[in-house]
């Protein structure tokens, strides 16, 4: 399985995937990010009779890449989670405008980001991500950033952390979650 640095699926994006792919392009300017994934899917599996929820991106041919913290396979990575509900409005009798809450999750091994690791300066990384998202040079849609979370139970909120060894969220590893709202207008119908 070959995973490109900017992993863009689907290959023909629509609606929110267009906004996400614009943001992926902007995030590529952060050299410490090994993999920049798009929108994940929340998959469920049974483990010892308990439902476990994991973030995954579709790879192809019914295969998925799991996005839980891991210090080997993925390196420093990020991905998007589209939350619910999505709202639909029709402003000025034009095409539908969709809005939805979203989350952006970053996981990093501080040892691989250079001098920043010496003093565990996660605030520097957070600032870089926030600035990049804010000025993401969107060709499609818009985003508003609202909150940042750093506790392990909040970073991977909605996913089963009991599958994750807690060591992956302690030094030298770090993670955070940025939440906000994404907006996109449907493209005009062509006649």
C-alpha atoms as a PDB file:
ATOM      1  CA  UNK A   1       0.000   0.000   0.000  1.00  0.00           C
ATOM      2  CA  UNK A   2       1.540   3.281  -1.138  1.00  0.00           C
ATOM      3  CA  UNK A   3       0.321   6.371   0.705  1.00  0.00           C
ATOM      4  CA  UNK A   4       1.130   9.706  -0.922  1.00  0.00           C
ATOM      5  CA  UNK A   5       1.948  12.753   1.232  1.00  0.00           C
ATOM      6  CA  UNK A   6      -1.241  14.583   0.198  1.00  0.00           C
ATOM      7  CA  UNK A   7      -3.739  11.766   0.056  1.00  0.00           C
ATOM      8  CA  UNK A   8      -6.683  13.004  -2.019  1.00  0.00           C
ATOM      9  CA  UNK A   9      -9.705  10.786  -2.155  1.00  0.00           C
ATOM     10  CA  UNK A  10     -12.102  10.944  -3.870  1.00  0.00           C
ATOM     11  CA  UNK A  11     -10.380  11.716  -7.139  1.00  0.00           C
ATOM     12  CA  UNK A  12     -13.422  13.686  -8.347  1.00  0.00           C
ATOM     13  CA  UNK A  13     -14.447  15.781  -5.306  1.00  0.00           C
ATOM     14  CA  UNK A  14     -17.850  17.323  -4.728  1.00  0.00           C
ATOM     15  CA  UNK A  15     -19.196  19.700  -2.070  1.00  0.00           C
ATOM     16  CA  UNK A  16     -17.175  19.569   1.178  1.00  0.00           C
ATOM     17  CA  UNK A  17     -14.471  17.391  -0.358  1.00  0.00           C
ATOM     18  CA  UNK A  18     -13.572  20.345  -2.622  1.00  0.00           C
ATOM     19  CA  UNK A  19     -12.994  22.594   0.408  1.00  0.00           C
ATOM     20  CA  UNK A  20     -11.003  19.873   2.143  1.00  0.00           C
ATOM     21  CA  UNK A  21      -8.765  19.335  -0.879  1.00  0.00           C
ATOM     22  CA  UNK A  22      -8.051  23.086  -1.039  1.00  0.00           C
ATOM     23  CA  UNK A  23      -7.032  22.935   2.635  1.00  0.00           C
ATOM     24  CA  UNK A  24      -4.878  19.857   1.996  1.00  0.00           C
ATOM     25  CA  UNK A  25      -2.966  21.842  -0.634  1.00  0.00           C
ATOM     26  CA  UNK A  26      -2.441  24.708   1.825  1.00  0.00           C
ATOM     27  CA  UNK A  27      -1.268  22.334   4.583  1.00  0.00           C
ATOM     28  CA  UNK A  28       1.414  20.951   2.285  1.00  0.00           C
ATOM     29  CA  UNK A  29       3.509  24.018   3.175  1.00  0.00           C
ATOM     30  CA  UNK A  30       4.075  22.528   6.652  1.00  0.00           C
ATOM     31  CA  UNK A  31       7.165  20.355   6.105  1.00  0.00           C
ATOM     32  CA  UNK A  32       6.768  18.386   9.346  1.00  0.00           C
ATOM     33  CA  UNK A  33       3.448  16.848   8.175  1.00  0.00           C
ATOM     34  CA  UNK A  34       4.244  13.437   6.678  1.00  0.00           C
ATOM     35  CA  UNK A  35       0.702  12.675   5.478  1.00  0.00           C
ATOM     36  CA  UNK A  36      -2.203  15.042   4.847  1.00  0.00           C
ATOM     37  CA  UNK A  37      -5.419  13.043   4.602  1.00  0.00           C
ATOM     38  CA  UNK A  38      -8.831  14.292   3.573  1.00  0.00           C
ATOM     39  CA  UNK A  39     -12.198  13.401   5.057  1.00  0.00           C
ATOM     40  CA  UNK A  40     -12.231  10.261   7.149  1.00  0.00           C
ATOM     41  CA  UNK A  41     -15.006   7.743   7.606  1.00  0.00           C
ATOM     42  CA  UNK A  42     -15.995   6.470  11.040  1.00  0.00           C
ATOM     43  CA  UNK A  43     -15.975   2.675  10.837  1.00  0.00           C
ATOM     44  CA  UNK A  44     -17.245   0.316  13.500  1.00  0.00           C
ATOM     45  CA  UNK A  45     -16.010  -3.159  14.361  1.00  0.00           C
ATOM     46  CA  UNK A  46     -16.766  -5.547  17.180  1.00  0.00           C
ATOM     47  CA  UNK A  47     -13.935  -6.380  19.577  1.00  0.00           C
ATOM     48  CA  UNK A  48     -14.686  -8.714  22.481  1.00  0.00           C
ATOM     49  CA  UNK A  49     -18.399  -7.936  22.108  1.00  0.00           C
ATOM     50  CA  UNK A  50     -17.852  -4.149  22.264  1.00  0.00           C
ATOM     51  CA  UNK A  51     -18.295  -1.691  19.404  1.00  0.00           C
ATOM     52  CA  UNK A  52     -15.066   0.118  18.510  1.00  0.00           C
ATOM     53  CA  UNK A  53     -15.104   3.203  16.292  1.00  0.00           C
ATOM     54  CA  UNK A  54     -12.034   4.139  14.258  1.00  0.00           C
ATOM     55  CA  UNK A  55     -11.186   6.937  11.796  1.00  0.00           C
ATOM     56  CA  UNK A  56     -10.316   5.587   8.354  1.00  0.00           C
ATOM     57  CA  UNK A  57      -9.788   6.850   4.826  1.00  0.00           C
ATOM     58  CA  UNK A  58     -10.766   4.771   1.845  1.00  0.00           C
ATOM     59  CA  UNK A  59      -7.752   3.409  -0.014  1.00  0.00           C
ATOM     60  CA  UNK A  60      -9.489   1.535  -2.818  1.00  0.00           C
ATOM     61  CA  UNK A  61     -10.663  -1.985  -3.634  1.00  0.00           C
ATOM     62  CA  UNK A  62     -12.550  -2.165  -0.321  1.00  0.00           C
ATOM     63  CA  UNK A  63      -9.396  -1.362   1.697  1.00  0.00           C
ATOM     64  CA  UNK A  64      -9.064   1.383   4.315  1.00  0.00           C
ATOM     65  CA  UNK A  65      -6.185   3.154   6.053  1.00  0.00           C
ATOM     66  CA  UNK A  66      -6.777   3.412   9.796  1.00  0.00           C
ATOM     67  CA  UNK A  67      -5.871   6.830  11.272  1.00  0.00           C
ATOM     68  CA  UNK A  68      -5.363   6.058  14.956  1.00  0.00           C
ATOM     69  CA  UNK A  69      -2.050   7.168  16.512  1.00  0.00           C
ATOM     70  CA  UNK A  70       0.834   5.007  15.426  1.00  0.00           C
ATOM     71  CA  UNK A  71       4.523   5.813  15.589  1.00  0.00           C
ATOM     72  CA  UNK A  72       5.548   3.767  12.548  1.00  0.00           C
ATOM     73  CA  UNK A  73       3.240   3.681   9.576  1.00  0.00           C
ATOM     74  CA  UNK A  74       1.829   7.189   9.243  1.00  0.00           C
ATOM     75  CA  UNK A  75       4.404   9.549  10.749  1.00  0.00           C
ATOM     76  CA  UNK A  76       3.030  13.026  11.480  1.00  0.00           C
ATOM     77  CA  UNK A  77      -0.421  13.208   9.970  1.00  0.00           C
ATOM     78  CA  UNK A  78      -3.703  15.087   9.889  1.00  0.00           C
ATOM     79  CA  UNK A  79      -7.230  14.431   8.687  1.00  0.00           C
ATOM     80  CA  UNK A  80     -10.714  15.946   8.590  1.00  0.00           C
ATOM     81  CA  UNK A  81     -13.911  14.739  10.255  1.00  0.00           C
ATOM     82  CA  UNK A  82     -17.234  16.020   8.930  1.00  0.00           C
ATOM     83  CA  UNK A  83     -19.699  16.251  11.803  1.00  0.00           C
ATOM     84  CA  UNK A  84     -23.487  16.303  11.745  1.00  0.00           C
ATOM     85  CA  UNK A  85     -25.917  17.804  11.046  1.00  0.00           C
ATOM     86  CA  UNK A  86     -25.323  19.392   7.694  1.00  0.00           C
ATOM     87  CA  UNK A  87     -27.731  22.245   7.068  1.00  0.00           C
ATOM     88  CA  UNK A  88     -29.045  23.194   3.641  1.00  0.00           C
ATOM     89  CA  UNK A  89     -30.351  26.591   2.624  1.00  0.00           C
ATOM     90  CA  UNK A  90     -31.201  28.172  -0.704  1.00  0.00           C
ATOM     91  CA  UNK A  91     -30.032  31.806  -0.564  1.00  0.00           C
ATOM     92  CA  UNK A  92     -31.473  34.210  -3.130  1.00  0.00           C
ATOM     93  CA  UNK A  93     -33.146  31.401  -5.097  1.00  0.00           C
ATOM     94  CA  UNK A  94     -29.824  30.037  -6.305  1.00  0.00           C
ATOM     95  CA  UNK A  95     -28.154  26.692  -5.692  1.00  0.00           C
ATOM     96  CA  UNK A  96     -28.120  24.995  -2.303  1.00  0.00           C
ATOM     97  CA  UNK A  97     -25.679  26.264   0.319  1.00  0.00           C
ATOM     98  CA  UNK A  98     -24.494  23.590   2.741  1.00  0.00           C
ATOM     99  CA  UNK A  99     -22.959  24.190   6.157  1.00  0.00           C
ATOM    100  CA  UNK A 100     -21.565  21.598   8.536  1.00  0.00           C
ATOM    101  CA  UNK A 101     -19.435  21.438  11.650  1.00  0.00           C
ATOM    102  CA  UNK A 102     -16.048  19.866  11.063  1.00  0.00           C
ATOM    103  CA  UNK A 103     -12.952  18.817  12.974  1.00  0.00           C
ATOM    104  CA  UNK A 104      -9.356  18.762  11.895  1.00  0.00           C
ATOM    105  CA  UNK A 105      -7.111  16.338  13.814  1.00  0.00           C
ATOM    106  CA  UNK A 106      -3.310  16.498  13.938  1.00  0.00           C
ATOM    107  CA  UNK A 107      -1.028  13.856  15.442  1.00  0.00           C
ATOM    108  CA  UNK A 108       2.735  14.334  15.586  1.00  0.00           C
ATOM    109  CA  UNK A 109       5.930  12.790  16.926  1.00  0.00           C
ATOM    110  CA  UNK A 110       7.723  15.858  18.314  1.00  0.00           C
ATOM    111  CA  UNK A 111      11.129  14.238  17.759  1.00  0.00           C
ATOM    112  CA  UNK A 112      10.640  14.590  14.006  1.00  0.00           C
ATOM    113  CA  UNK A 113       9.824  18.305  13.815  1.00  0.00           C
ATOM    114  CA  UNK A 114      13.314  19.677  14.502  1.00  0.00           C
ATOM    115  CA  UNK A 115      14.361  22.086  17.252  1.00  0.00           C
ATOM    116  CA  UNK A 116      10.761  22.413  18.410  1.00  0.00           C
ATOM    117  CA  UNK A 117      11.046  19.072  20.209  1.00  0.00           C
ATOM    118  CA  UNK A 118      13.713  20.274  22.644  1.00  0.00           C
ATOM    119  CA  UNK A 119      11.171  22.306  24.579  1.00  0.00           C
ATOM    120  CA  UNK A 120       8.023  20.381  23.464  1.00  0.00           C
ATOM    121  CA  UNK A 121       6.677  23.500  21.832  1.00  0.00           C
ATOM    122  CA  UNK A 122       3.329  22.175  20.684  1.00  0.00           C
ATOM    123  CA  UNK A 123       1.986  25.738  20.706  1.00  0.00           C
ATOM    124  CA  UNK A 124       4.286  26.565  17.801  1.00  0.00           C
ATOM    125  CA  UNK A 125       2.855  23.702  15.747  1.00  0.00           C
ATOM    126  CA  UNK A 126      -0.693  24.675  16.676  1.00  0.00           C
ATOM    127  CA  UNK A 127      -0.028  28.264  15.570  1.00  0.00           C
ATOM    128  CA  UNK A 128       1.377  27.083  12.240  1.00  0.00           C
ATOM    129  CA  UNK A 129      -1.692  24.916  11.605  1.00  0.00           C
ATOM    130  CA  UNK A 130      -4.173  27.635  12.598  1.00  0.00           C
ATOM    131  CA  UNK A 131      -2.472  30.212  10.359  1.00  0.00           C
ATOM    132  CA  UNK A 132      -2.374  27.772   7.460  1.00  0.00           C
ATOM    133  CA  UNK A 133      -6.054  26.860   7.828  1.00  0.00           C
ATOM    134  CA  UNK A 134      -7.074  30.493   8.199  1.00  0.00           C
ATOM    135  CA  UNK A 135      -5.307  31.603   5.038  1.00  0.00           C
ATOM    136  CA  UNK A 136      -5.937  28.365   3.163  1.00  0.00           C
ATOM    137  CA  UNK A 137      -6.504  30.164  -0.148  1.00  0.00           C
ATOM    138  CA  UNK A 138      -9.768  28.371  -0.690  1.00  0.00           C
ATOM    139  CA  UNK A 139     -10.969  28.083  -4.278  1.00  0.00           C
ATOM    140  CA  UNK A 140     -14.199  26.544  -3.013  1.00  0.00           C
ATOM    141  CA  UNK A 141     -16.320  27.367   0.018  1.00  0.00           C
ATOM    142  CA  UNK A 142     -15.191  28.830   3.312  1.00  0.00           C
ATOM    143  CA  UNK A 143     -14.365  27.813   6.874  1.00  0.00           C
ATOM    144  CA  UNK A 144     -14.663  29.367  10.313  1.00  0.00           C
ATOM    145  CA  UNK A 145     -12.402  28.108  13.099  1.00  0.00           C
ATOM    146  CA  UNK A 146     -13.942  27.944  16.567  1.00  0.00           C
ATOM    147  CA  UNK A 147     -12.124  25.762  19.133  1.00  0.00           C
ATOM    148  CA  UNK A 148      -8.934  23.809  19.804  1.00  0.00           C
ATOM    149  CA  UNK A 149      -8.755  20.675  21.988  1.00  0.00           C
ATOM    150  CA  UNK A 150      -5.616  18.974  23.293  1.00  0.00           C
ATOM    151  CA  UNK A 151      -6.677  16.353  25.866  1.00  0.00           C
ATOM    152  CA  UNK A 152      -6.485  12.802  24.553  1.00  0.00           C
ATOM    153  CA  UNK A 153     -10.198  12.151  25.111  1.00  0.00           C
ATOM    154  CA  UNK A 154     -11.046  15.264  23.068  1.00  0.00           C
ATOM    155  CA  UNK A 155      -8.533  14.911  20.255  1.00  0.00           C
ATOM    156  CA  UNK A 156      -9.973  11.564  19.161  1.00  0.00           C
ATOM    157  CA  UNK A 157     -13.511  12.256  20.424  1.00  0.00           C
ATOM    158  CA  UNK A 158     -16.022   9.997  18.681  1.00  0.00           C
ATOM    159  CA  UNK A 159     -13.454   7.255  18.215  1.00  0.00           C
ATOM    160  CA  UNK A 160     -12.582   4.393  20.559  1.00  0.00           C
ATOM    161  CA  UNK A 161      -9.413   5.340  22.392  1.00  0.00           C
ATOM    162  CA  UNK A 162      -9.362   2.080  24.312  1.00  0.00           C
ATOM    163  CA  UNK A 163      -7.742   0.589  21.193  1.00  0.00           C
ATOM    164  CA  UNK A 164      -5.006   3.182  21.379  1.00  0.00           C
ATOM    165  CA  UNK A 165      -2.085   2.760  23.738  1.00  0.00           C
ATOM    166  CA  UNK A 166      -2.048   5.960  25.826  1.00  0.00           C
ATOM    167  CA  UNK A 167       1.693   6.318  25.238  1.00  0.00           C
ATOM    168  CA  UNK A 168       0.900   7.718  21.803  1.00  0.00           C
ATOM    169  CA  UNK A 169      -0.503  10.909  23.342  1.00  0.00           C
ATOM    170  CA  UNK A 170       2.345  11.505  25.814  1.00  0.00           C
ATOM    171  CA  UNK A 171       5.803  12.917  25.138  1.00  0.00           C
ATOM    172  CA  UNK A 172       7.323  12.709  22.601  1.00  0.00           C
ATOM    173  CA  UNK A 173       3.920  12.464  20.871  1.00  0.00           C
ATOM    174  CA  UNK A 174       1.306  15.195  20.740  1.00  0.00           C
ATOM    175  CA  UNK A 175      -2.028  15.844  19.122  1.00  0.00           C
ATOM    176  CA  UNK A 176      -4.763  18.428  18.883  1.00  0.00           C
ATOM    177  CA  UNK A 177      -8.165  18.926  17.300  1.00  0.00           C
ATOM    178  CA  UNK A 178      -9.409  22.127  15.686  1.00  0.00           C
ATOM    179  CA  UNK A 179     -13.180  22.500  15.270  1.00  0.00           C
ATOM    180  CA  UNK A 180     -15.172  24.896  13.156  1.00  0.00           C
ATOM    181  CA  UNK A 181     -17.773  25.220  10.447  1.00  0.00           C
ATOM    182  CA  UNK A 182     -17.394  24.586   6.732  1.00  0.00           C
ATOM    183  CA  UNK A 183     -19.601  26.096   4.041  1.00  0.00           C
ATOM    184  CA  UNK A 184     -19.950  25.288   0.331  1.00  0.00           C
ATOM    185  CA  UNK A 185     -22.389  26.225  -2.428  1.00  0.00           C
ATOM    186  CA  UNK A 186     -23.470  23.680  -5.015  1.00  0.00           C
ATOM    187  CA  UNK A 187     -22.049  24.326  -8.433  1.00  0.00           C
ATOM    188  CA  UNK A 188     -24.345  25.888 -10.992  1.00  0.00           C
ATOM    189  CA  UNK A 189     -26.283  23.485 -13.132  1.00  0.00           C
ATOM    190  CA  UNK A 190     -25.089  23.460 -16.705  1.00  0.00           C
ATOM    191  CA  UNK A 191     -27.760  23.642 -19.362  1.00  0.00           C
END
